[in-house]
Amino acid sequence: MKRFLGNIVEWASMGFVVVLAVVVFLQVFNRFVLKAPLAWSEDLAMLLFQWVVFLGAAIGVRRLRHFGIDLVVKKLPARMRRTLDLIVPFIVGIVALTMITEGLHLLTFNRARIYATMNLSYLWAYLPIPTSGCLMILYLILQEIQRWKEQGSNHP
């Protein structure tokens, strides 16, 4: 499940990056070459960017690429590194839970707002926040299960 879900999130993120690049290219081309800017392109680019950023944050948690400065962490004593290995997921979990609760608040507060240029609800602009938080929590749980399995296999 971890691999399947991770692949879907990564493929979606990559797709958003490709569409974002195309939209920005069209925006610049139409504005500066054709002298006819696209009204919707800036809003769509910002919306796609938001999805890429928040899905990227979840992918970072999945790949264990969060809150660590390797140069500093590698210089720490082994005991302190193990302590950090226990503390960091807890902190990431708190951040993820905050993203979920505050993101849901933003969703309810802004769902009636509409992008004038795209006739689309702002719900789509705030949805990546709790979505990313949920994915982060899921990835943290799956990582903890994996760690428990590895610890169990190390002890006879």
N, C-alpha and C. Protein backbone atom coordinates (compact mmCIF):
# COMPACT_ATOMS: atom_id res chain seq x y z
N MET A 1 0.83 -1.19 0.00
CA MET A 1 0.00 0.00 0.00
C MET A 1 0.88 1.26 0.00
N LYS A 2 1.97 1.22 0.79
CA LYS A 2 2.86 2.38 0.89
C LYS A 2 3.43 2.73 -0.48
N ARG A 3 3.87 1.72 -1.20
CA ARG A 3 4.46 1.96 -2.52
C ARG A 3 3.42 2.46 -3.52
N PHE A 4 2.24 1.83 -3.52
CA PHE A 4 1.17 2.21 -4.43
C PHE A 4 0.75 3.66 -4.20
N LEU A 5 0.47 4.00 -2.93
CA LEU A 5 0.05 5.35 -2.59
C LEU A 5 1.16 6.35 -2.89
N GLY A 6 2.39 5.99 -2.55
CA GLY A 6 3.52 6.88 -2.81
C GLY A 6 3.69 7.14 -4.29
N ASN A 7 3.53 6.11 -5.10
CA ASN A 7 3.66 6.29 -6.54
C ASN A 7 2.57 7.19 -7.10
N ILE A 8 1.35 7.03 -6.62
CA ILE A 8 0.25 7.88 -7.09
C ILE A 8 0.55 9.35 -6.75
N VAL A 9 0.98 9.58 -5.53
CA VAL A 9 1.27 10.96 -5.11
C VAL A 9 2.42 11.53 -5.94
N GLU A 10 3.46 10.74 -6.16
CA GLU A 10 4.59 11.24 -6.94
C GLU A 10 4.21 11.47 -8.40
N TRP A 11 3.43 10.57 -8.98
CA TRP A 11 3.00 10.76 -10.36
C TRP A 11 2.09 11.99 -10.48
N ALA A 12 1.20 12.18 -9.52
CA ALA A 12 0.33 13.37 -9.54
C ALA A 12 1.17 14.63 -9.44
N SER A 13 2.15 14.61 -8.55
CA SER A 13 3.02 15.78 -8.39
C SER A 13 3.79 16.06 -9.68
N MET A 14 4.33 15.01 -10.28
CA MET A 14 5.05 15.21 -11.54
C MET A 14 4.14 15.74 -12.63
N GLY A 15 2.92 15.22 -12.68
CA GLY A 15 1.95 15.71 -13.67
C GLY A 15 1.64 17.18 -13.45
N PHE A 16 1.46 17.58 -12.17
CA PHE A 16 1.21 18.99 -11.87
C PHE A 16 2.38 19.86 -12.29
N VAL A 17 3.60 19.38 -12.10
CA VAL A 17 4.78 20.16 -12.49
C VAL A 17 4.80 20.36 -14.00
N VAL A 18 4.49 19.32 -14.75
CA VAL A 18 4.48 19.42 -16.22
C VAL A 18 3.41 20.40 -16.66
N VAL A 19 2.20 20.26 -16.12
CA VAL A 19 1.11 21.18 -16.49
C VAL A 19 1.46 22.60 -16.08
N LEU A 20 2.07 22.76 -14.91
CA LEU A 20 2.50 24.09 -14.44
C LEU A 20 3.49 24.71 -15.42
N ALA A 21 4.45 23.93 -15.86
CA ALA A 21 5.43 24.46 -16.82
C ALA A 21 4.76 24.87 -18.13
N VAL A 22 3.83 24.08 -18.60
CA VAL A 22 3.11 24.41 -19.84
C VAL A 22 2.30 25.68 -19.65
N VAL A 23 1.59 25.79 -18.54
CA VAL A 23 0.75 26.98 -18.29
C VAL A 23 1.62 28.23 -18.19
N VAL A 24 2.74 28.15 -17.49
CA VAL A 24 3.62 29.31 -17.37
C VAL A 24 4.21 29.68 -18.73
N PHE A 25 4.60 28.67 -19.51
CA PHE A 25 5.11 28.94 -20.85
C PHE A 25 4.06 29.66 -21.69
N LEU A 26 2.83 29.13 -21.67
CA LEU A 26 1.74 29.77 -22.43
C LEU A 26 1.48 31.18 -21.94
N GLN A 27 1.55 31.37 -20.63
CA GLN A 27 1.32 32.69 -20.05
C GLN A 27 2.36 33.69 -20.57
N VAL A 28 3.63 33.30 -20.52
CA VAL A 28 4.70 34.19 -20.96
C VAL A 28 4.62 34.41 -22.47
N PHE A 29 4.40 33.34 -23.23
CA PHE A 29 4.31 33.45 -24.68
C PHE A 29 3.17 34.37 -25.10
N ASN A 30 2.00 34.15 -24.52
CA ASN A 30 0.84 34.99 -24.89
C ASN A 30 1.03 36.44 -24.47
N ARG A 31 1.62 36.64 -23.30
CA ARG A 31 1.77 38.00 -22.80
C ARG A 31 2.80 38.79 -23.60
N PHE A 32 3.96 38.19 -23.86
CA PHE A 32 5.06 38.95 -24.46
C PHE A 32 5.17 38.80 -25.97
N VAL A 33 4.72 37.69 -26.52
CA VAL A 33 4.83 37.49 -27.97
C VAL A 33 3.52 37.88 -28.65
N LEU A 34 2.43 37.34 -28.19
CA LEU A 34 1.14 37.62 -28.82
C LEU A 34 0.47 38.88 -28.28
N LYS A 35 1.00 39.42 -27.19
CA LYS A 35 0.44 40.62 -26.55
C LYS A 35 -1.04 40.43 -26.18
N ALA A 36 -1.38 39.19 -25.83
CA ALA A 36 -2.75 38.87 -25.44
C ALA A 36 -2.69 37.92 -24.24
N PRO A 37 -2.49 38.47 -23.04
CA PRO A 37 -2.35 37.60 -21.87
C PRO A 37 -3.60 36.76 -21.60
N LEU A 38 -3.36 35.58 -21.07
CA LEU A 38 -4.45 34.69 -20.70
C LEU A 38 -4.89 35.05 -19.27
N ALA A 39 -6.15 35.35 -19.11
CA ALA A 39 -6.64 35.81 -17.80
C ALA A 39 -6.53 34.72 -16.74
N TRP A 40 -6.73 33.49 -17.10
CA TRP A 40 -6.79 32.39 -16.15
C TRP A 40 -5.43 31.78 -15.82
N SER A 41 -4.41 32.06 -16.62
CA SER A 41 -3.15 31.33 -16.50
C SER A 41 -2.43 31.58 -15.17
N GLU A 42 -2.46 32.80 -14.67
CA GLU A 42 -1.77 33.09 -13.42
C GLU A 42 -2.43 32.37 -12.24
N ASP A 43 -3.76 32.38 -12.21
CA ASP A 43 -4.47 31.69 -11.13
C ASP A 43 -4.24 30.18 -11.20
N LEU A 44 -4.27 29.61 -12.39
CA LEU A 44 -4.05 28.19 -12.54
C LEU A 44 -2.62 27.82 -12.17
N ALA A 45 -1.66 28.64 -12.56
CA ALA A 45 -0.27 28.39 -12.20
C ALA A 45 -0.08 28.41 -10.69
N MET A 46 -0.69 29.36 -10.02
CA MET A 46 -0.58 29.43 -8.56
C MET A 46 -1.24 28.21 -7.91
N LEU A 47 -2.39 27.81 -8.41
CA LEU A 47 -3.09 26.64 -7.88
C LEU A 47 -2.24 25.38 -8.04
N LEU A 48 -1.67 25.19 -9.22
CA LEU A 48 -0.82 24.02 -9.46
C LEU A 48 0.43 24.06 -8.58
N PHE A 49 0.99 25.25 -8.42
CA PHE A 49 2.18 25.40 -7.57
C PHE A 49 1.87 24.99 -6.13
N GLN A 50 0.71 25.39 -5.63
CA GLN A 50 0.32 25.02 -4.27
C GLN A 50 0.24 23.50 -4.12
N TRP A 51 -0.36 22.84 -5.09
CA TRP A 51 -0.44 21.39 -5.04
C TRP A 51 0.95 20.75 -5.08
N VAL A 52 1.81 21.26 -5.93
CA VAL A 52 3.17 20.71 -6.04
C VAL A 52 3.92 20.88 -4.72
N VAL A 53 3.82 22.04 -4.11
CA VAL A 53 4.54 22.30 -2.86
C VAL A 53 4.06 21.36 -1.76
N PHE A 54 2.76 21.25 -1.57
CA PHE A 54 2.26 20.45 -0.46
C PHE A 54 2.39 18.95 -0.72
N LEU A 55 2.20 18.51 -1.95
CA LEU A 55 2.46 17.10 -2.24
C LEU A 55 3.95 16.81 -2.11
N GLY A 56 4.78 17.76 -2.50
CA GLY A 56 6.22 17.61 -2.33
C GLY A 56 6.63 17.47 -0.87
N ALA A 57 5.95 18.18 0.00
CA ALA A 57 6.23 18.06 1.43
C ALA A 57 5.90 16.65 1.92
N ALA A 58 4.78 16.11 1.46
CA ALA A 58 4.40 14.74 1.84
C ALA A 58 5.40 13.74 1.27
N ILE A 59 5.84 13.95 0.05
CA ILE A 59 6.84 13.07 -0.55
C ILE A 59 8.14 13.13 0.24
N GLY A 60 8.49 14.31 0.71
CA GLY A 60 9.68 14.45 1.55
C GLY A 60 9.57 13.62 2.82
N VAL A 61 8.40 13.59 3.42
CA VAL A 61 8.20 12.76 4.62
C VAL A 61 8.30 11.29 4.24
N ARG A 62 7.70 10.91 3.12
CA ARG A 62 7.75 9.51 2.68
C ARG A 62 9.19 9.05 2.47
N ARG A 63 10.00 9.92 1.89
CA ARG A 63 11.39 9.56 1.58
C ARG A 63 12.36 9.87 2.72
N LEU A 64 11.81 10.28 3.85
CA LEU A 64 12.63 10.63 5.03
C LEU A 64 13.60 11.76 4.70
N ARG A 65 13.15 12.74 3.99
CA ARG A 65 13.98 13.89 3.60
C ARG A 65 13.46 15.16 4.26
N HIS A 66 13.28 15.12 5.57
CA HIS A 66 12.69 16.25 6.26
C HIS A 66 13.53 16.64 7.47
N PHE A 67 13.54 17.87 7.77
CA PHE A 67 14.13 18.43 8.99
C PHE A 67 15.50 17.89 9.36
N GLY A 68 16.31 17.61 8.42
CA GLY A 68 17.64 17.13 8.77
C GLY A 68 18.69 17.83 7.93
N ILE A 69 19.67 18.32 8.59
CA ILE A 69 20.82 18.89 7.88
C ILE A 69 21.91 17.84 8.03
N ASP A 70 22.12 17.07 6.97
CA ASP A 70 23.01 15.91 7.05
C ASP A 70 24.38 16.24 7.63
N LEU A 71 24.92 17.35 7.23
CA LEU A 71 26.26 17.72 7.71
C LEU A 71 26.27 17.83 9.23
N VAL A 72 25.25 18.41 9.80
CA VAL A 72 25.17 18.58 11.26
C VAL A 72 24.81 17.26 11.92
N VAL A 73 23.79 16.57 11.40
CA VAL A 73 23.31 15.35 12.02
C VAL A 73 24.38 14.27 12.02
N LYS A 74 25.15 14.15 10.96
CA LYS A 74 26.20 13.13 10.89
C LYS A 74 27.32 13.37 11.90
N LYS A 75 27.49 14.59 12.32
CA LYS A 75 28.53 14.92 13.30
C LYS A 75 28.10 14.64 14.74
N LEU A 76 26.80 14.41 14.94
CA LEU A 76 26.29 14.16 16.29
C LEU A 76 26.66 12.74 16.75
N PRO A 77 26.77 12.56 18.06
CA PRO A 77 27.00 11.21 18.58
C PRO A 77 25.83 10.28 18.23
N ALA A 78 26.11 8.99 18.15
CA ALA A 78 25.10 8.00 17.74
C ALA A 78 23.86 8.06 18.62
N ARG A 79 24.04 8.23 19.91
CA ARG A 79 22.90 8.28 20.83
C ARG A 79 21.99 9.47 20.52
N MET A 80 22.60 10.60 20.23
CA MET A 80 21.80 11.79 19.92
C MET A 80 21.08 11.62 18.58
N ARG A 81 21.73 10.96 17.61
CA ARG A 81 21.08 10.70 16.32
C ARG A 81 19.87 9.79 16.51
N ARG A 82 19.99 8.77 17.38
CA ARG A 82 18.85 7.87 17.65
C ARG A 82 17.71 8.65 18.32
N THR A 83 18.08 9.56 19.21
CA THR A 83 17.06 10.40 19.87
C THR A 83 16.35 11.27 18.85
N LEU A 84 17.12 11.85 17.94
CA LEU A 84 16.51 12.66 16.87
C LEU A 84 15.61 11.81 15.99
N ASP A 85 16.02 10.56 15.74
CA ASP A 85 15.19 9.66 14.93
C ASP A 85 13.83 9.42 15.57
N LEU A 86 13.77 9.54 16.88
CA LEU A 86 12.49 9.37 17.58
C LEU A 86 11.71 10.67 17.68
N ILE A 87 12.42 11.79 17.84
CA ILE A 87 11.76 13.08 18.04
C ILE A 87 11.23 13.67 16.74
N VAL A 88 12.00 13.57 15.67
CA VAL A 88 11.63 14.21 14.40
C VAL A 88 10.27 13.73 13.89
N PRO A 89 9.99 12.40 13.85
CA PRO A 89 8.65 11.99 13.39
C PRO A 89 7.53 12.57 14.26
N PHE A 90 7.78 12.70 15.55
CA PHE A 90 6.78 13.28 16.45
C PHE A 90 6.51 14.74 16.06
N ILE A 91 7.58 15.50 15.82
CA ILE A 91 7.43 16.91 15.42
C ILE A 91 6.73 17.01 14.07
N VAL A 92 7.13 16.16 13.12
CA VAL A 92 6.48 16.16 11.81
C VAL A 92 5.00 15.82 11.96
N GLY A 93 4.69 14.89 12.86
CA GLY A 93 3.29 14.54 13.11
C GLY A 93 2.49 15.71 13.64
N ILE A 94 3.09 16.48 14.54
CA ILE A 94 2.41 17.67 15.08
C ILE A 94 2.16 18.68 13.96
N VAL A 95 3.16 18.89 13.12
CA VAL A 95 3.00 19.81 11.98
C VAL A 95 1.90 19.30 11.05
N ALA A 96 1.90 17.99 10.79
CA ALA A 96 0.89 17.41 9.90
C ALA A 96 -0.51 17.55 10.48
N LEU A 97 -0.65 17.30 11.78
CA LEU A 97 -1.96 17.46 12.41
C LEU A 97 -2.43 18.91 12.37
N THR A 98 -1.49 19.83 12.54
CA THR A 98 -1.82 21.25 12.43
C THR A 98 -2.27 21.59 11.01
N MET A 99 -1.57 21.02 10.03
CA MET A 99 -1.97 21.24 8.63
C MET A 99 -3.38 20.72 8.38
N ILE A 100 -3.69 19.58 8.97
CA ILE A 100 -5.03 19.01 8.77
C ILE A 100 -6.09 19.90 9.41
N THR A 101 -5.91 20.23 10.69
CA THR A 101 -6.95 21.00 11.39
C THR A 101 -7.09 22.40 10.81
N GLU A 102 -5.98 23.09 10.62
CA GLU A 102 -6.06 24.46 10.09
C GLU A 102 -6.46 24.46 8.62
N GLY A 103 -6.00 23.44 7.89
CA GLY A 103 -6.39 23.33 6.48
C GLY A 103 -7.89 23.12 6.32
N LEU A 104 -8.46 22.30 7.18
CA LEU A 104 -9.92 22.09 7.13
C LEU A 104 -10.66 23.37 7.49
N HIS A 105 -10.10 24.12 8.44
CA HIS A 105 -10.70 25.41 8.80
C HIS A 105 -10.66 26.35 7.58
N LEU A 106 -9.52 26.40 6.91
CA LEU A 106 -9.41 27.24 5.71
C LEU A 106 -10.36 26.79 4.61
N LEU A 107 -10.55 25.48 4.49
CA LEU A 107 -11.48 24.96 3.48
C LEU A 107 -12.90 25.46 3.74
N THR A 108 -13.34 25.33 4.97
CA THR A 108 -14.71 25.75 5.27
C THR A 108 -14.87 27.26 5.15
N PHE A 109 -13.82 27.99 5.50
CA PHE A 109 -13.88 29.45 5.45
C PHE A 109 -13.88 29.97 4.01
N ASN A 110 -13.20 29.28 3.10
CA ASN A 110 -13.00 29.80 1.74
C ASN A 110 -13.75 29.05 0.65
N ARG A 111 -14.52 28.04 0.99
CA ARG A 111 -15.14 27.22 -0.06
C ARG A 111 -16.14 27.99 -0.92
N ALA A 112 -16.71 29.05 -0.40
CA ALA A 112 -17.69 29.82 -1.18
C ALA A 112 -17.01 30.82 -2.12
N ARG A 113 -15.74 31.10 -1.87
CA ARG A 113 -15.02 32.02 -2.76
C ARG A 113 -14.76 31.34 -4.11
N ILE A 114 -14.81 32.12 -5.15
CA ILE A 114 -14.65 31.59 -6.50
C ILE A 114 -13.56 32.37 -7.22
N TYR A 115 -12.69 31.62 -7.93
CA TYR A 115 -11.73 32.28 -8.82
C TYR A 115 -12.53 32.93 -9.94
N ALA A 116 -12.39 34.21 -10.09
CA ALA A 116 -13.16 34.92 -11.13
C ALA A 116 -12.73 34.49 -12.53
N THR A 117 -11.45 34.15 -12.68
CA THR A 117 -10.93 33.85 -14.01
C THR A 117 -11.19 32.41 -14.44
N MET A 118 -11.48 31.52 -13.47
CA MET A 118 -11.64 30.10 -13.82
C MET A 118 -13.00 29.53 -13.41
N ASN A 119 -13.81 30.31 -12.72
CA ASN A 119 -15.09 29.85 -12.21
C ASN A 119 -14.91 28.55 -11.41
N LEU A 120 -13.93 28.57 -10.52
CA LEU A 120 -13.55 27.41 -9.72
C LEU A 120 -13.48 27.84 -8.26
N SER A 121 -13.92 26.96 -7.37
CA SER A 121 -13.92 27.28 -5.95
C SER A 121 -12.50 27.34 -5.39
N TYR A 122 -12.29 28.24 -4.45
CA TYR A 122 -11.01 28.33 -3.74
C TYR A 122 -10.77 27.09 -2.88
N LEU A 123 -11.76 26.26 -2.72
CA LEU A 123 -11.60 24.99 -2.03
C LEU A 123 -10.40 24.23 -2.60
N TRP A 124 -10.23 24.30 -3.93
CA TRP A 124 -9.14 23.59 -4.59
C TRP A 124 -7.78 24.18 -4.25
N ALA A 125 -7.75 25.44 -3.85
CA ALA A 125 -6.48 26.08 -3.47
C ALA A 125 -6.06 25.68 -2.06
N TYR A 126 -7.04 25.40 -1.20
CA TYR A 126 -6.73 25.06 0.19
C TYR A 126 -6.75 23.56 0.45
N LEU A 127 -7.29 22.79 -0.45
CA LEU A 127 -7.36 21.34 -0.29
C LEU A 127 -5.99 20.67 -0.17
N PRO A 128 -4.94 21.15 -0.82
CA PRO A 128 -3.65 20.47 -0.67
C PRO A 128 -3.09 20.52 0.75
N ILE A 129 -3.51 21.46 1.57
CA ILE A 129 -2.96 21.57 2.93
C ILE A 129 -3.39 20.37 3.78
N PRO A 130 -4.70 20.12 3.96
CA PRO A 130 -5.05 18.95 4.76
C PRO A 130 -4.73 17.63 4.05
N THR A 131 -4.76 17.63 2.73
CA THR A 131 -4.39 16.43 1.98
C THR A 131 -2.95 16.04 2.28
N SER A 132 -2.07 17.01 2.22
CA SER A 132 -0.66 16.77 2.53
C SER A 132 -0.49 16.33 3.98
N GLY A 133 -1.20 16.95 4.90
CA GLY A 133 -1.13 16.56 6.29
C GLY A 133 -1.56 15.11 6.49
N CYS A 134 -2.64 14.71 5.84
CA CYS A 134 -3.11 13.32 5.94
C CYS A 134 -2.09 12.34 5.36
N LEU A 135 -1.52 12.70 4.22
CA LEU A 135 -0.49 11.85 3.63
C LEU A 135 0.72 11.73 4.54
N MET A 136 1.12 12.84 5.14
CA MET A 136 2.26 12.82 6.06
C MET A 136 2.00 11.88 7.23
N ILE A 137 0.81 11.98 7.82
CA ILE A 137 0.45 11.11 8.95
C ILE A 137 0.47 9.65 8.49
N LEU A 138 -0.10 9.37 7.34
CA LEU A 138 -0.11 8.01 6.82
C LEU A 138 1.32 7.49 6.61
N TYR A 139 2.16 8.31 6.01
CA TYR A 139 3.56 7.90 5.78
C TYR A 139 4.29 7.68 7.10
N LEU A 140 4.05 8.54 8.08
CA LEU A 140 4.68 8.36 9.39
C LEU A 140 4.24 7.05 10.04
N ILE A 141 2.96 6.74 9.95
CA ILE A 141 2.45 5.49 10.52
C ILE A 141 3.09 4.29 9.82
N LEU A 142 3.13 4.33 8.49
CA LEU A 142 3.74 3.23 7.74
C LEU A 142 5.22 3.08 8.08
N GLN A 143 5.92 4.19 8.29
CA GLN A 143 7.33 4.13 8.66
C GLN A 143 7.51 3.53 10.05
N GLU A 144 6.63 3.88 10.97
CA GLU A 144 6.71 3.33 12.33
C GLU A 144 6.44 1.82 12.31
N ILE A 145 5.46 1.39 11.53
CA ILE A 145 5.18 -0.04 11.40
C ILE A 145 6.41 -0.76 10.86
N GLN A 146 7.03 -0.17 9.85
CA GLN A 146 8.25 -0.77 9.27
C GLN A 146 9.37 -0.84 10.31
N ARG A 147 9.51 0.22 11.09
CA ARG A 147 10.56 0.24 12.12
C ARG A 147 10.29 -0.82 13.18
N TRP A 148 9.05 -1.00 13.59
CA TRP A 148 8.69 -2.03 14.58
C TRP A 148 9.00 -3.42 14.03
N LYS A 149 8.66 -3.63 12.73
CA LYS A 149 8.95 -4.92 12.11
C LYS A 149 10.46 -5.20 12.11
N GLU A 150 11.25 -4.16 11.76
CA GLU A 150 12.70 -4.32 11.72
C GLU A 150 13.26 -4.58 13.12
N GLN A 151 12.74 -3.90 14.12
CA GLN A 151 13.21 -4.12 15.49
C GLN A 151 12.81 -5.52 15.98
N GLY A 152 11.63 -5.96 15.59
CA GLY A 152 11.17 -7.30 15.97
C GLY A 152 12.01 -8.39 15.33
N SER A 153 12.45 -8.17 14.09
CA SER A 153 13.26 -9.18 13.41
C SER A 153 14.69 -9.21 13.94
N ASN A 154 15.13 -8.13 14.57
CA ASN A 154 16.50 -8.08 15.14
C ASN A 154 16.58 -8.77 16.49
N HIS A 155 15.44 -8.99 17.13
CA HIS A 155 15.44 -9.63 18.45
C HIS A 155 14.89 -11.05 18.31
N PRO A 156 15.62 -12.06 18.81
CA PRO A 156 15.14 -13.45 18.69
C PRO A 156 13.96 -13.75 19.57
